[in-house]
């Protein structure tokens, strides 16, 4: 990089809260199964009922820091994913990007990068969803990514050998 700081995109606090609440709810459902079985047998003790809210809160608290990790960094060389762990890290240099569009994927609007060779890459963030998944600044973030692409894209492809 030549002195320009990358623009970092991560999930918003509301999006993390929404995902953590979903994980907490799923944890509570998993904990509810043995509680219902014990209740049906007549072996339920009062303190076992506390497993439901404790499981819900514990699942949400454990999931929140993990959901914050990940995102993308955008700089003058291209788009870099930020993936926690030893996962494969793709990189999209600006001169290999043909277009950047916002598309609906399920209940979310996400940016999709179209690369050379008819490949596409759906970015994990930013995104705009419903309820807590909404990002009030999604349009500005997408505009920033497109502006950086238009600024750093050469608009010329590598010349094919033999062309004059």
C-alpha atoms as a PDB file:
ATOM      1  CA  UNK A   1       0.000   0.000   0.000  1.00  0.00           C
ATOM      2  CA  UNK A   2       1.190   3.464  -0.749  1.00  0.00           C
ATOM      3  CA  UNK A   3       0.080   5.229   2.403  1.00  0.00           C
ATOM      4  CA  UNK A   4      -3.681   4.834   2.052  1.00  0.00           C
ATOM      5  CA  UNK A   5      -5.396   3.196   4.986  1.00  0.00           C
ATOM      6  CA  UNK A   6      -7.845   0.423   4.134  1.00  0.00           C
ATOM      7  CA  UNK A   7     -11.560   0.950   4.562  1.00  0.00           C
ATOM      8  CA  UNK A   8     -12.776  -1.757   6.934  1.00  0.00           C
ATOM      9  CA  UNK A   9     -16.271  -3.217   6.845  1.00  0.00           C
ATOM     10  CA  UNK A  10     -17.516  -5.345   9.743  1.00  0.00           C
ATOM     11  CA  UNK A  11     -21.019  -6.331  10.912  1.00  0.00           C
ATOM     12  CA  UNK A  12     -22.778  -3.544  12.809  1.00  0.00           C
ATOM     13  CA  UNK A  13     -23.556  -3.841  16.515  1.00  0.00           C
ATOM     14  CA  UNK A  14     -27.248  -4.320  15.716  1.00  0.00           C
ATOM     15  CA  UNK A  15     -26.458  -7.129  13.286  1.00  0.00           C
ATOM     16  CA  UNK A  16     -24.267  -8.856  15.871  1.00  0.00           C
ATOM     17  CA  UNK A  17     -26.998  -8.474  18.489  1.00  0.00           C
ATOM     18  CA  UNK A  18     -29.566  -9.982  16.112  1.00  0.00           C
ATOM     19  CA  UNK A  19     -27.354 -12.952  15.267  1.00  0.00           C
ATOM     20  CA  UNK A  20     -26.419 -13.490  18.923  1.00  0.00           C
ATOM     21  CA  UNK A  21     -30.101 -13.472  19.866  1.00  0.00           C
ATOM     22  CA  UNK A  22     -30.769 -16.084  17.184  1.00  0.00           C
ATOM     23  CA  UNK A  23     -27.946 -18.288  18.496  1.00  0.00           C
ATOM     24  CA  UNK A  24     -29.272 -17.822  22.029  1.00  0.00           C
ATOM     25  CA  UNK A  25     -32.753 -18.831  20.911  1.00  0.00           C
ATOM     26  CA  UNK A  26     -31.418 -21.940  19.172  1.00  0.00           C
ATOM     27  CA  UNK A  27     -29.427 -22.813  22.304  1.00  0.00           C
ATOM     28  CA  UNK A  28     -32.573 -22.450  24.408  1.00  0.00           C
ATOM     29  CA  UNK A  29     -34.447 -24.781  22.046  1.00  0.00           C
ATOM     30  CA  UNK A  30     -31.690 -27.393  22.379  1.00  0.00           C
ATOM     31  CA  UNK A  31     -31.751 -27.051  26.172  1.00  0.00           C
ATOM     32  CA  UNK A  32     -35.564 -27.244  26.170  1.00  0.00           C
ATOM     33  CA  UNK A  33     -35.571 -30.783  24.769  1.00  0.00           C
ATOM     34  CA  UNK A  34     -34.185 -32.500  27.902  1.00  0.00           C
ATOM     35  CA  UNK A  35     -36.286 -30.215  30.126  1.00  0.00           C
ATOM     36  CA  UNK A  36     -39.470 -31.301  28.315  1.00  0.00           C
ATOM     37  CA  UNK A  37     -38.419 -34.966  28.508  1.00  0.00           C
ATOM     38  CA  UNK A  38     -37.806 -34.668  32.260  1.00  0.00           C
ATOM     39  CA  UNK A  39     -41.119 -32.845  32.706  1.00  0.00           C
ATOM     40  CA  UNK A  40     -42.980 -35.578  30.781  1.00  0.00           C
ATOM     41  CA  UNK A  41     -41.443 -38.245  33.038  1.00  0.00           C
ATOM     42  CA  UNK A  42     -42.355 -36.264  36.129  1.00  0.00           C
ATOM     43  CA  UNK A  43     -38.714 -35.986  37.160  1.00  0.00           C
ATOM     44  CA  UNK A  44     -38.346 -32.246  36.631  1.00  0.00           C
ATOM     45  CA  UNK A  45     -36.747 -30.348  39.494  1.00  0.00           C
ATOM     46  CA  UNK A  46     -37.393 -26.597  39.804  1.00  0.00           C
ATOM     47  CA  UNK A  47     -33.752 -25.624  39.213  1.00  0.00           C
ATOM     48  CA  UNK A  48     -33.693 -27.511  35.896  1.00  0.00           C
ATOM     49  CA  UNK A  49     -36.239 -25.031  34.545  1.00  0.00           C
ATOM     50  CA  UNK A  50     -33.557 -22.343  34.955  1.00  0.00           C
ATOM     51  CA  UNK A  51     -31.557 -24.104  32.238  1.00  0.00           C
ATOM     52  CA  UNK A  52     -33.725 -22.439  29.578  1.00  0.00           C
ATOM     53  CA  UNK A  53     -32.899 -18.779  30.274  1.00  0.00           C
ATOM     54  CA  UNK A  54     -29.338 -19.631  31.322  1.00  0.00           C
ATOM     55  CA  UNK A  55     -28.823 -21.555  28.069  1.00  0.00           C
ATOM     56  CA  UNK A  56     -30.272 -18.708  26.046  1.00  0.00           C
ATOM     57  CA  UNK A  57     -28.065 -16.063  27.650  1.00  0.00           C
ATOM     58  CA  UNK A  58     -24.955 -18.280  27.596  1.00  0.00           C
ATOM     59  CA  UNK A  59     -25.415 -19.061  23.901  1.00  0.00           C
ATOM     60  CA  UNK A  60     -25.826 -15.394  23.034  1.00  0.00           C
ATOM     61  CA  UNK A  61     -22.847 -14.273  25.130  1.00  0.00           C
ATOM     62  CA  UNK A  62     -20.563 -16.952  23.706  1.00  0.00           C
ATOM     63  CA  UNK A  63     -21.643 -16.251  20.125  1.00  0.00           C
ATOM     64  CA  UNK A  64     -21.360 -12.447  20.153  1.00  0.00           C
ATOM     65  CA  UNK A  65     -17.537 -12.170  20.052  1.00  0.00           C
ATOM     66  CA  UNK A  66     -17.318 -14.846  17.365  1.00  0.00           C
ATOM     67  CA  UNK A  67     -19.890 -13.084  15.203  1.00  0.00           C
ATOM     68  CA  UNK A  68     -17.926  -9.806  15.324  1.00  0.00           C
ATOM     69  CA  UNK A  69     -14.924 -11.317  13.592  1.00  0.00           C
ATOM     70  CA  UNK A  70     -14.728 -11.356   9.834  1.00  0.00           C
ATOM     71  CA  UNK A  71     -15.491  -8.804   7.170  1.00  0.00           C
ATOM     72  CA  UNK A  72     -13.640  -7.124   4.321  1.00  0.00           C
ATOM     73  CA  UNK A  73     -10.911  -4.546   3.910  1.00  0.00           C
ATOM     74  CA  UNK A  74     -10.862  -2.361   0.799  1.00  0.00           C
ATOM     75  CA  UNK A  75      -7.737  -0.472  -0.275  1.00  0.00           C
ATOM     76  CA  UNK A  76      -6.072   0.745  -3.469  1.00  0.00           C
ATOM     77  CA  UNK A  77      -5.035  -2.791  -4.437  1.00  0.00           C
ATOM     78  CA  UNK A  78      -8.486  -4.395  -4.162  1.00  0.00           C
ATOM     79  CA  UNK A  79     -10.874  -6.204  -1.842  1.00  0.00           C
ATOM     80  CA  UNK A  80      -9.408  -8.372   0.919  1.00  0.00           C
ATOM     81  CA  UNK A  81     -11.568 -10.707   3.014  1.00  0.00           C
ATOM     82  CA  UNK A  82     -10.928 -10.806   6.736  1.00  0.00           C
ATOM     83  CA  UNK A  83     -11.614 -14.391   7.718  1.00  0.00           C
ATOM     84  CA  UNK A  84     -10.793 -15.660  11.201  1.00  0.00           C
ATOM     85  CA  UNK A  85      -8.772 -18.845  11.370  1.00  0.00           C
ATOM     86  CA  UNK A  86      -6.729 -20.687   8.760  1.00  0.00           C
ATOM     87  CA  UNK A  87      -9.401 -20.468   6.043  1.00  0.00           C
ATOM     88  CA  UNK A  88      -8.530 -19.848   2.407  1.00  0.00           C
ATOM     89  CA  UNK A  89      -8.216 -16.129   1.804  1.00  0.00           C
ATOM     90  CA  UNK A  90      -9.319 -14.857  -1.579  1.00  0.00           C
ATOM     91  CA  UNK A  91      -8.283 -11.490  -2.896  1.00  0.00           C
ATOM     92  CA  UNK A  92      -9.896  -9.496  -5.680  1.00  0.00           C
ATOM     93  CA  UNK A  93      -7.588  -6.911  -7.277  1.00  0.00           C
ATOM     94  CA  UNK A  94      -9.412  -3.998  -8.878  1.00  0.00           C
ATOM     95  CA  UNK A  95      -8.286  -4.831 -12.427  1.00  0.00           C
ATOM     96  CA  UNK A  96      -9.971  -8.275 -12.191  1.00  0.00           C
ATOM     97  CA  UNK A  97     -13.322  -6.826 -11.080  1.00  0.00           C
ATOM     98  CA  UNK A  98     -15.839  -6.208 -13.871  1.00  0.00           C
ATOM     99  CA  UNK A  99     -18.773  -4.903 -11.834  1.00  0.00           C
ATOM    100  CA  UNK A 100     -20.049  -4.391  -8.286  1.00  0.00           C
ATOM    101  CA  UNK A 101     -23.804  -4.632  -7.713  1.00  0.00           C
ATOM    102  CA  UNK A 102     -26.263  -4.829  -4.853  1.00  0.00           C
ATOM    103  CA  UNK A 103     -28.402  -7.967  -5.107  1.00  0.00           C
ATOM    104  CA  UNK A 104     -31.134  -9.561  -3.047  1.00  0.00           C
ATOM    105  CA  UNK A 105     -30.102 -12.873  -1.480  1.00  0.00           C
ATOM    106  CA  UNK A 106     -32.925 -14.181   0.658  1.00  0.00           C
ATOM    107  CA  UNK A 107     -33.973 -11.472   3.095  1.00  0.00           C
ATOM    108  CA  UNK A 108     -30.738  -9.524   2.638  1.00  0.00           C
ATOM    109  CA  UNK A 109     -29.329  -7.057   0.167  1.00  0.00           C
ATOM    110  CA  UNK A 110     -25.631  -7.794  -0.314  1.00  0.00           C
ATOM    111  CA  UNK A 111     -22.862  -6.473  -2.559  1.00  0.00           C
ATOM    112  CA  UNK A 112     -21.742  -8.933  -5.219  1.00  0.00           C
ATOM    113  CA  UNK A 113     -18.443  -8.531  -7.060  1.00  0.00           C
ATOM    114  CA  UNK A 114     -18.302  -9.878 -10.611  1.00  0.00           C
ATOM    115  CA  UNK A 115     -14.802 -11.024 -11.515  1.00  0.00           C
ATOM    116  CA  UNK A 116     -13.066 -12.065 -14.724  1.00  0.00           C
ATOM    117  CA  UNK A 117     -14.053 -15.480 -16.018  1.00  0.00           C
ATOM    118  CA  UNK A 118     -17.754 -15.128 -15.105  1.00  0.00           C
ATOM    119  CA  UNK A 119     -17.067 -15.682 -11.416  1.00  0.00           C
ATOM    120  CA  UNK A 120     -18.903 -13.787  -8.713  1.00  0.00           C
ATOM    121  CA  UNK A 121     -18.115 -13.203  -5.064  1.00  0.00           C
ATOM    122  CA  UNK A 122     -20.820 -12.334  -2.554  1.00  0.00           C
ATOM    123  CA  UNK A 123     -19.333 -10.170   0.173  1.00  0.00           C
ATOM    124  CA  UNK A 124     -20.237 -11.086   3.758  1.00  0.00           C
ATOM    125  CA  UNK A 125     -20.426  -7.445   4.823  1.00  0.00           C
ATOM    126  CA  UNK A 126     -21.834  -4.888   4.450  1.00  0.00           C
ATOM    127  CA  UNK A 127     -25.375  -6.199   4.128  1.00  0.00           C
ATOM    128  CA  UNK A 128     -28.854  -4.886   4.753  1.00  0.00           C
ATOM    129  CA  UNK A 129     -31.516  -7.170   6.179  1.00  0.00           C
ATOM    130  CA  UNK A 130     -34.709  -7.011   8.180  1.00  0.00           C
ATOM    131  CA  UNK A 131     -35.197  -6.095  11.840  1.00  0.00           C
ATOM    132  CA  UNK A 132     -31.823  -6.148  13.628  1.00  0.00           C
ATOM    133  CA  UNK A 133     -30.090  -7.228  10.405  1.00  0.00           C
ATOM    134  CA  UNK A 134     -30.670  -3.807   8.889  1.00  0.00           C
ATOM    135  CA  UNK A 135     -27.813  -1.416   8.237  1.00  0.00           C
ATOM    136  CA  UNK A 136     -28.937   2.220   7.893  1.00  0.00           C
ATOM    137  CA  UNK A 137     -25.621   3.088   6.197  1.00  0.00           C
ATOM    138  CA  UNK A 138     -25.596   0.213   3.678  1.00  0.00           C
ATOM    139  CA  UNK A 139     -26.054   2.485   0.659  1.00  0.00           C
ATOM    140  CA  UNK A 140     -23.145   4.708   1.693  1.00  0.00           C
ATOM    141  CA  UNK A 141     -20.913   1.679   2.258  1.00  0.00           C
ATOM    142  CA  UNK A 142     -21.782   0.201  -1.134  1.00  0.00           C
ATOM    143  CA  UNK A 143     -21.147   3.595  -2.732  1.00  0.00           C
ATOM    144  CA  UNK A 144     -17.728   3.716  -1.026  1.00  0.00           C
ATOM    145  CA  UNK A 145     -16.779   0.296  -2.417  1.00  0.00           C
ATOM    146  CA  UNK A 146     -17.952   1.239  -5.925  1.00  0.00           C
ATOM    147  CA  UNK A 147     -16.171   4.609  -5.739  1.00  0.00           C
ATOM    148  CA  UNK A 148     -12.899   2.951  -4.753  1.00  0.00           C
ATOM    149  CA  UNK A 149     -13.312   0.461  -7.611  1.00  0.00           C
ATOM    150  CA  UNK A 150     -13.930   3.257 -10.112  1.00  0.00           C
ATOM    151  CA  UNK A 151     -10.979   5.212  -8.726  1.00  0.00           C
ATOM    152  CA  UNK A 152      -8.424   2.396  -8.785  1.00  0.00           C
ATOM    153  CA  UNK A 153      -9.682   0.356 -11.751  1.00  0.00           C
ATOM    154  CA  UNK A 154      -7.541   0.939 -14.837  1.00  0.00           C
ATOM    155  CA  UNK A 155     -10.430   0.339 -17.269  1.00  0.00           C
ATOM    156  CA  UNK A 156      -7.915  -1.378 -19.511  1.00  0.00           C
ATOM    157  CA  UNK A 157      -7.321  -5.093 -19.696  1.00  0.00           C
ATOM    158  CA  UNK A 158      -3.938  -6.684 -20.152  1.00  0.00           C
ATOM    159  CA  UNK A 159      -3.220  -6.585 -23.887  1.00  0.00           C
ATOM    160  CA  UNK A 160      -3.477  -9.936 -25.618  1.00  0.00           C
ATOM    161  CA  UNK A 161      -0.183 -11.059 -27.141  1.00  0.00           C
ATOM    162  CA  UNK A 162      -0.122 -10.394 -30.863  1.00  0.00           C
ATOM    163  CA  UNK A 163      -2.618  -7.503 -30.893  1.00  0.00           C
ATOM    164  CA  UNK A 164      -1.397  -4.276 -32.463  1.00  0.00           C
END
